[in-house]
Amino acid sequence: MRIIASHAGTDPGRKRRRNEDSYVIAPPLFAVADGMGGAQAGEVASGLAAGALEESRAADGGERRVVELIQEANRRVHERAMTDAATAGMGTTITAALVEPDGRVVFGHVGDSRAYLLRDDKLEQLTDDHTLVAELVRRGELSPGEAEVHPQRSVITRALGTDPDVDVDTFAVDARPGDVYLICSDGLSSMVEFGDIEEILRRNRADLPTASKALIHAANRGGGDDNITAVLFAVDESEALEPDEQTREVVVAPDEEDTLHPEDGVQPPPELPHAVDTMVVPADEIGAALAAHEAEEAREAHEDVPQAGLGRRLLALLVIFALIALIVVLVWWGLAR
C-alpha cells in the first residue's frame, strides 16, 4: 500500500483576521494543529507543534513513535508558554497520521481536530473529540443535536501545551486500496454537515486539490466562523510517488492575516480573542465541569417545578370562580321566576 496523492489547503475563514491553524505534509507523515490563546499565541502554539513533527522526519515506528512525536510537540509548546509571558496559556490541538511501510495508518490525536476515512464511498469519523459536550454525548446526557448548540461546546478537555505531559489517543487503521483520509480543524467539521463532507470527497476522490478547495468553500458558505484547514492523502496499490514528486510542506500560521475570504469583499468585524471561543479544561477538572453541568440541569428542573405548580393553582382558582359565577346566575334566574 502506497501514498499515491496528497494535498492540503487552509483559509482564515470569514470572521477571523488571522489564521491560527498549521499543517504538515511530509509523506508519510501528515498533521493538522489548531492553535488557541490570546493575541497571536494560538499561531505560535500550532506552529511549534507542526515544526516539531516535520523536523522528526518520521517514517515508521508505530503508535509509540507517534506518541513520542506529539509529546515532543507538547514539550515545545509548554516550554514556550512557561518562559514567554506573551504566550502564557496558549495551546493547540494536534491530529497526526503516519503511514507505515506495512500498510497501516497510525493516528495520534489530542483535541477536536478530526480525522476521517472515505472507504468504498462511505465516510467514517475516526477520532473522538476531546470536548466537554462530546463527553456528555458519550455519557448519553446530550444528543448530538443538543451538543451543536450547547453553550459549552467550545470547551476542550485536552490540548498540547497546557501541561508538561499530555494524554495522546492512538490507534491504527489497516489501509485498503482506494482509501482517502482527511485531517481537518474544527473550522471545517463544525461548518459542514457530515453528509456534505462525504459527498465532496466521494465526488472528488481522484482530485484531492479540488476536494480541498470544495471543502473550504463549503465551510465558508456555512458561515466560516473559524479558520479552516483540510489535509488529504490517498493510498492504493500503485507505485509510490518518487521522492522528487512528493510534497514535503509545513505551513505555519502567519503572523498577520488581514483579509477575509475573497468571496466576502467586506472588512471583518473587530476580532475577539480566540480564548473567548475555545477554552481548555484540565483533565483533573473534567469531573468538576461535568458535575457543574449536572447541577445546572437540576437547578433548572427545580425552578420549573414551582412555575408548574403556580400554573395549576391559577387554573384551579379560575375553575372555582367560574363555578361561583354559575351558581350566582342560577340562583338569580330562579328568583326571577
Protein backbone atom coordinates (compact mmCIF):
# COMPACT_ATOMS: atom_id res chain seq x y z
CA MET A 1 0.00 0.00 0.00
CA ARG A 2 1.47 3.35 -1.04
CA ILE A 3 0.60 7.04 -0.80
CA ILE A 4 -0.43 7.99 -4.33
CA ALA A 5 -1.55 11.59 -3.74
CA SER A 6 -1.73 14.27 -1.06
CA HIS A 7 -2.85 17.87 -0.81
CA ALA A 8 -3.72 20.49 1.79
CA GLY A 9 -5.48 23.81 1.93
CA THR A 10 -6.04 26.39 4.65
CA ASP A 11 -8.13 29.56 4.90
CA PRO A 12 -8.69 32.11 7.69
CA GLY A 13 -12.46 31.86 7.24
CA ARG A 14 -14.88 34.74 7.03
CA LYS A 15 -14.72 36.08 10.59
CA ARG A 16 -11.04 35.90 11.58
CA ARG A 17 -8.23 38.25 10.66
CA ARG A 18 -5.51 35.69 11.47
CA ASN A 19 -5.10 32.05 10.68
CA GLU A 20 -4.05 30.09 13.79
CA ASP A 21 -4.06 26.70 12.02
CA SER A 22 -0.87 24.98 10.89
CA TYR A 23 -0.43 21.77 8.93
CA VAL A 24 2.24 19.28 7.88
CA ILE A 25 2.51 17.35 4.63
CA ALA A 26 5.74 15.36 4.91
CA PRO A 27 4.92 11.91 3.48
CA PRO A 28 4.47 9.53 5.16
CA LEU A 29 3.56 12.00 7.95
CA PHE A 30 0.53 14.31 7.88
CA ALA A 31 -0.91 16.56 10.59
CA VAL A 32 -3.19 19.48 11.46
CA ALA A 33 -2.74 21.75 14.51
CA ASP A 34 -5.37 24.31 15.56
CA GLY A 35 -3.93 26.89 17.94
CA MET A 36 -5.68 28.77 20.71
CA GLY A 37 -4.71 31.62 23.00
CA GLY A 38 -4.82 35.37 23.30
CA ALA A 39 -3.17 37.82 20.88
CA GLN A 40 -1.09 35.78 18.40
CA ALA A 41 -0.24 32.95 20.79
CA GLY A 42 -2.50 30.46 19.01
CA GLU A 43 -0.46 30.56 15.83
CA VAL A 44 2.74 30.29 17.87
CA ALA A 45 1.47 27.11 19.53
CA SER A 46 0.29 25.44 16.33
CA GLY A 47 3.48 26.45 14.53
CA LEU A 48 5.69 24.95 17.23
CA ALA A 49 3.72 21.71 17.16
CA ALA A 50 3.81 21.44 13.37
CA GLY A 51 7.51 22.21 13.30
CA ALA A 52 8.28 19.51 15.85
CA LEU A 53 6.54 16.88 13.75
CA GLU A 54 8.15 17.94 10.48
CA GLU A 55 11.64 18.06 11.96
CA SER A 56 11.31 14.46 13.15
CA ARG A 57 11.40 13.11 9.57
CA ALA A 58 9.39 10.18 10.92
CA ALA A 59 8.87 7.25 8.56
CA ASP A 60 7.67 4.47 10.84
CA GLY A 61 7.66 3.33 14.46
CA GLY A 62 4.02 2.63 15.16
CA GLU A 63 1.90 4.09 17.90
CA ARG A 64 4.83 4.52 20.27
CA ARG A 65 6.63 6.70 17.74
CA VAL A 66 3.54 8.84 17.15
CA VAL A 67 3.17 9.38 20.90
CA GLU A 68 6.84 10.42 21.11
CA LEU A 69 6.33 12.96 18.32
CA ILE A 70 3.28 14.51 19.96
CA GLN A 71 4.91 14.56 23.40
CA GLU A 72 7.86 16.43 21.92
CA ALA A 73 5.47 18.89 20.31
CA ASN A 74 3.73 19.32 23.67
CA ARG A 75 7.07 19.91 25.41
CA ARG A 76 7.98 22.71 23.00
CA VAL A 77 4.64 24.47 23.30
CA HIS A 78 4.56 24.15 27.10
CA GLU A 79 8.15 25.34 27.50
CA ARG A 80 7.49 28.42 25.37
CA ALA A 81 4.28 29.20 27.27
CA MET A 82 6.15 28.95 30.58
CA THR A 83 9.05 31.19 29.53
CA ASP A 84 7.34 33.82 27.37
CA ALA A 85 4.70 35.93 29.11
CA ALA A 86 3.20 36.93 25.75
CA THR A 87 2.26 33.31 25.07
CA ALA A 88 1.19 32.24 28.56
CA GLY A 89 -1.83 29.96 28.48
CA MET A 90 -1.55 29.11 24.79
CA GLY A 91 -2.27 25.65 23.46
CA THR A 92 -3.07 23.74 20.32
CA THR A 93 -4.87 20.66 19.13
CA ILE A 94 -2.98 18.07 17.07
CA THR A 95 -4.15 15.23 14.88
CA ALA A 96 -1.42 13.33 13.03
CA ALA A 97 -1.28 10.33 10.72
CA LEU A 98 1.80 8.23 9.93
CA VAL A 99 1.55 5.80 7.00
CA GLU A 100 3.65 2.76 7.90
CA PRO A 101 5.55 0.55 5.40
CA ASP A 102 3.33 -2.40 6.37
CA GLY A 103 0.24 -0.57 5.11
CA ARG A 104 -1.14 0.61 8.45
CA VAL A 105 -2.04 4.24 9.07
CA VAL A 106 -1.21 5.16 12.67
CA PHE A 107 -3.03 8.13 14.19
CA GLY A 108 -2.26 10.32 17.20
CA HIS A 109 -4.92 12.70 18.44
CA VAL A 110 -5.34 15.44 21.06
CA GLY A 111 -8.21 17.96 20.99
CA ASP A 112 -11.03 18.42 18.50
CA SER A 113 -9.31 18.45 15.11
CA ARG A 114 -10.66 15.37 13.36
CA ALA A 115 -9.58 12.51 11.12
CA TYR A 116 -11.97 10.91 8.62
CA LEU A 117 -11.72 7.95 6.25
CA LEU A 118 -13.55 7.62 2.94
CA ARG A 119 -13.69 3.92 2.02
CA ASP A 120 -15.99 2.37 -0.57
CA ASP A 121 -17.75 5.74 -0.91
CA LYS A 122 -18.68 5.77 2.78
CA LEU A 123 -17.24 8.29 5.23
CA GLU A 124 -16.24 7.38 8.79
CA GLN A 125 -15.10 9.69 11.58
CA LEU A 126 -12.02 8.06 13.08
CA THR A 127 -11.29 10.33 16.07
CA ASP A 128 -13.33 11.25 19.14
CA ASP A 129 -13.41 14.94 20.08
CA HIS A 130 -11.81 15.83 23.39
CA THR A 131 -14.50 18.33 24.35
CA LEU A 132 -16.90 18.66 27.26
CA VAL A 133 -20.01 18.29 25.11
CA ALA A 134 -18.58 15.25 23.32
CA GLU A 135 -18.07 13.63 26.72
CA LEU A 136 -21.67 14.44 27.66
CA VAL A 137 -22.87 12.87 24.38
CA ARG A 138 -20.81 9.73 25.06
CA ARG A 139 -22.41 9.54 28.51
CA GLY A 140 -25.87 9.84 26.98
CA GLU A 141 -26.61 13.16 28.70
CA LEU A 142 -26.76 15.18 25.48
CA SER A 143 -27.95 14.35 21.98
CA PRO A 144 -25.67 15.23 19.05
CA GLY A 145 -28.16 17.95 18.08
CA GLU A 146 -28.09 19.46 21.58
CA ALA A 147 -24.30 19.35 21.56
CA GLU A 148 -24.16 21.51 18.42
CA VAL A 149 -25.86 24.45 20.19
CA HIS A 150 -24.65 23.85 23.76
CA PRO A 151 -23.10 27.00 25.35
CA GLN A 152 -20.05 24.95 26.41
CA ARG A 153 -19.44 23.33 23.02
CA SER A 154 -16.04 25.06 22.70
CA VAL A 155 -14.67 23.75 25.99
CA ILE A 156 -11.76 21.42 25.15
CA THR A 157 -10.67 18.83 27.68
CA ARG A 158 -7.24 18.12 26.16
CA ALA A 159 -4.70 20.27 24.32
CA LEU A 160 -0.96 20.49 23.75
CA GLY A 161 0.95 23.00 25.85
CA THR A 162 -1.26 23.31 28.92
CA ASP A 163 0.64 20.69 30.97
CA PRO A 164 4.14 19.17 30.90
CA ASP A 165 2.67 15.87 29.64
CA VAL A 166 -0.37 15.17 27.54
CA ASP A 167 -2.58 12.11 27.15
CA VAL A 168 -2.50 11.06 23.48
CA ASP A 169 -5.14 8.88 21.83
CA THR A 170 -3.52 6.49 19.35
CA PHE A 171 -4.91 3.83 17.05
CA ALA A 172 -4.10 2.23 13.70
CA VAL A 173 -6.17 1.57 10.59
CA ASP A 174 -5.28 -1.15 8.07
CA ALA A 175 -5.27 0.74 4.80
CA ARG A 176 -7.09 -0.60 1.74
CA PRO A 177 -6.74 0.29 -1.92
CA GLY A 178 -8.64 3.48 -2.75
CA ASP A 179 -8.76 4.85 0.81
CA VAL A 180 -8.88 8.64 1.12
CA TYR A 181 -8.00 10.18 4.51
CA LEU A 182 -8.94 13.66 5.69
CA ILE A 183 -7.49 15.51 8.70
CA CYS A 184 -9.14 18.85 9.42
CA SER A 185 -9.55 21.59 12.00
CA ASP A 186 -12.94 22.17 13.62
CA GLY A 187 -13.42 25.20 11.39
CA LEU A 188 -14.34 22.66 8.73
CA SER A 189 -16.10 19.94 10.73
CA SER A 190 -18.30 22.42 12.63
CA MET A 191 -19.38 24.28 9.49
CA VAL A 192 -20.03 21.43 7.04
CA GLU A 193 -22.50 18.60 7.61
CA PHE A 194 -21.11 15.07 7.72
CA GLY A 195 -23.10 14.07 4.64
CA ASP A 196 -21.77 17.05 2.67
CA ILE A 197 -18.16 16.19 3.56
CA GLU A 198 -18.82 12.65 2.38
CA GLU A 199 -20.34 13.82 -0.90
CA ILE A 200 -17.49 16.25 -1.63
CA LEU A 201 -14.85 13.59 -1.03
CA ARG A 202 -16.76 10.96 -2.99
CA ARG A 203 -17.15 13.29 -5.96
CA ASN A 204 -13.50 14.43 -5.93
CA ARG A 205 -11.64 11.40 -4.60
CA ALA A 206 -9.41 11.31 -7.70
CA ASP A 207 -8.65 15.05 -7.50
CA LEU A 208 -7.51 15.99 -3.99
CA PRO A 209 -6.72 19.66 -4.77
CA THR A 210 -10.28 20.14 -5.99
CA ALA A 211 -11.61 18.26 -2.96
CA SER A 212 -9.65 20.53 -0.61
CA LYS A 213 -10.94 23.69 -2.30
CA ALA A 214 -14.51 22.39 -2.28
CA LEU A 215 -14.35 21.59 1.45
CA ILE A 216 -13.02 25.06 2.30
CA HIS A 217 -15.62 26.69 0.08
CA ALA A 218 -18.38 24.71 1.82
CA ALA A 219 -17.10 25.75 5.27
CA ASN A 220 -17.08 29.43 4.26
CA ARG A 221 -20.52 29.10 2.72
CA GLY A 222 -21.70 27.57 6.00
CA GLY A 223 -20.55 30.60 7.98
CA GLY A 224 -16.74 30.48 8.06
CA ASP A 225 -16.76 31.13 11.80
CA ASP A 226 -13.22 29.81 12.34
CA ASN A 227 -10.00 29.05 10.49
CA ILE A 228 -10.39 26.15 8.05
CA THR A 229 -7.71 23.55 7.24
CA ALA A 230 -8.00 20.30 5.31
CA VAL A 231 -5.18 17.80 4.74
CA LEU A 232 -5.94 14.94 2.35
CA PHE A 233 -3.99 11.86 1.28
CA ALA A 234 -4.90 8.77 -0.71
CA VAL A 235 -3.41 5.28 -0.74
CA ASP A 236 -3.50 2.48 -3.28
CA GLU A 237 -1.53 -0.49 -4.52
CA SER A 238 0.05 1.67 -7.22
CA GLU A 239 3.68 2.62 -7.10
CA ALA A 240 4.61 5.24 -4.52
CA LEU A 241 5.47 8.74 -5.64
CA GLU A 242 9.12 9.29 -6.46
CA PRO A 243 10.96 11.34 -3.81
CA ASP A 244 11.17 14.41 -6.06
CA GLU A 245 7.44 14.15 -6.76
CA GLN A 246 6.45 14.03 -3.12
CA THR A 247 5.38 17.18 -1.36
CA ARG A 248 7.08 17.97 1.93
CA GLU A 249 5.37 21.01 3.33
CA VAL A 250 4.94 22.63 6.70
CA VAL A 251 2.55 25.54 6.74
CA VAL A 252 2.72 27.56 9.92
CA ALA A 253 0.02 30.07 10.71
CA PRO A 254 1.23 33.51 9.54
CA ASP A 255 1.88 36.33 11.98
CA GLU A 256 -0.56 38.62 10.18
CA GLU A 257 -3.62 37.80 8.10
CA ASP A 258 -5.72 40.88 7.45
CA THR A 259 -8.01 39.59 4.74
CA LEU A 260 -11.17 37.60 4.71
CA HIS A 261 -12.11 35.01 2.14
CA PRO A 262 -12.19 36.67 -1.32
CA GLU A 263 -15.91 35.91 -1.56
CA ASP A 264 -16.67 38.42 1.18
CA GLY A 265 -15.48 41.71 -0.25
CA VAL A 266 -16.03 43.32 3.17
CA GLN A 267 -13.90 44.17 6.17
CA PRO A 268 -14.25 41.83 9.14
CA PRO A 269 -15.68 42.89 12.48
CA PRO A 270 -13.28 43.52 15.37
CA GLU A 271 -11.80 40.19 16.34
CA LEU A 272 -12.39 38.72 19.78
CA PRO A 273 -9.54 36.84 21.46
CA HIS A 274 -9.53 33.19 20.46
CA ALA A 275 -9.70 32.23 24.13
CA VAL A 276 -13.26 33.56 24.24
CA ASP A 277 -14.27 30.91 21.71
CA THR A 278 -12.15 28.00 22.91
CA MET A 279 -11.41 27.06 26.49
CA VAL A 280 -9.30 24.21 27.81
CA VAL A 281 -10.46 22.37 30.91
CA PRO A 282 -7.56 20.46 32.55
CA ALA A 283 -8.09 16.73 32.89
CA ASP A 284 -8.38 16.89 36.69
CA GLU A 285 -11.19 19.42 36.37
CA ILE A 286 -13.36 17.50 33.91
CA GLY A 287 -15.28 15.80 36.72
CA ALA A 288 -16.00 19.15 38.31
CA ALA A 289 -17.15 20.57 34.98
CA LEU A 290 -19.49 17.62 34.43
CA ALA A 291 -20.80 17.98 37.99
CA ALA A 292 -21.44 21.68 37.37
CA HIS A 293 -23.38 20.78 34.23
CA GLU A 294 -25.49 18.28 36.18
CA ALA A 295 -26.08 20.81 38.98
CA GLU A 296 -27.21 23.42 36.45
CA GLU A 297 -29.69 20.95 34.94
CA ALA A 298 -31.00 20.09 38.41
CA ARG A 299 -31.38 23.78 39.28
CA GLU A 300 -33.32 24.47 36.10
CA ALA A 301 -35.55 21.47 36.76
CA HIS A 302 -36.16 22.68 40.33
CA GLU A 303 -37.08 26.13 39.08
CA ASP A 304 -39.56 24.63 36.65
CA VAL A 305 -41.49 22.87 39.44
CA PRO A 306 -42.76 26.00 41.28
CA GLN A 307 -43.70 27.57 37.96
CA ALA A 308 -45.69 24.49 37.02
CA GLY A 309 -47.33 24.41 40.49
CA LEU A 310 -48.29 28.09 40.24
CA GLY A 311 -49.94 27.45 36.89
CA ARG A 312 -52.00 24.63 38.33
CA ARG A 313 -53.11 26.81 41.28
CA LEU A 314 -54.21 29.62 38.98
CA LEU A 315 -56.16 27.17 36.86
CA ALA A 316 -57.91 25.81 39.98
CA LEU A 317 -58.84 29.33 41.12
CA LEU A 318 -60.29 30.13 37.72
CA VAL A 319 -62.42 26.99 37.82
CA ILE A 320 -63.70 27.89 41.32
CA PHE A 321 -64.59 31.44 40.26
CA ALA A 322 -66.39 30.09 37.22
CA LEU A 323 -68.43 27.70 39.37
CA ILE A 324 -69.34 30.50 41.82
CA ALA A 325 -70.42 32.72 38.94
CA LEU A 326 -72.53 29.90 37.51
CA ILE A 327 -74.24 29.33 40.90
CA VAL A 328 -74.99 33.07 41.26
CA VAL A 329 -76.53 33.16 37.80
CA LEU A 330 -78.67 30.09 38.51
CA VAL A 331 -79.91 31.49 41.85
CA TRP A 332 -80.76 34.84 40.28
CA TRP A 333 -82.59 33.12 37.44
CA GLY A 334 -84.59 31.02 39.94
CA LEU A 335 -85.60 34.06 41.99
CA ALA A 336 -86.58 35.96 38.89
CA ARG A 337 -89.09 33.24 38.02
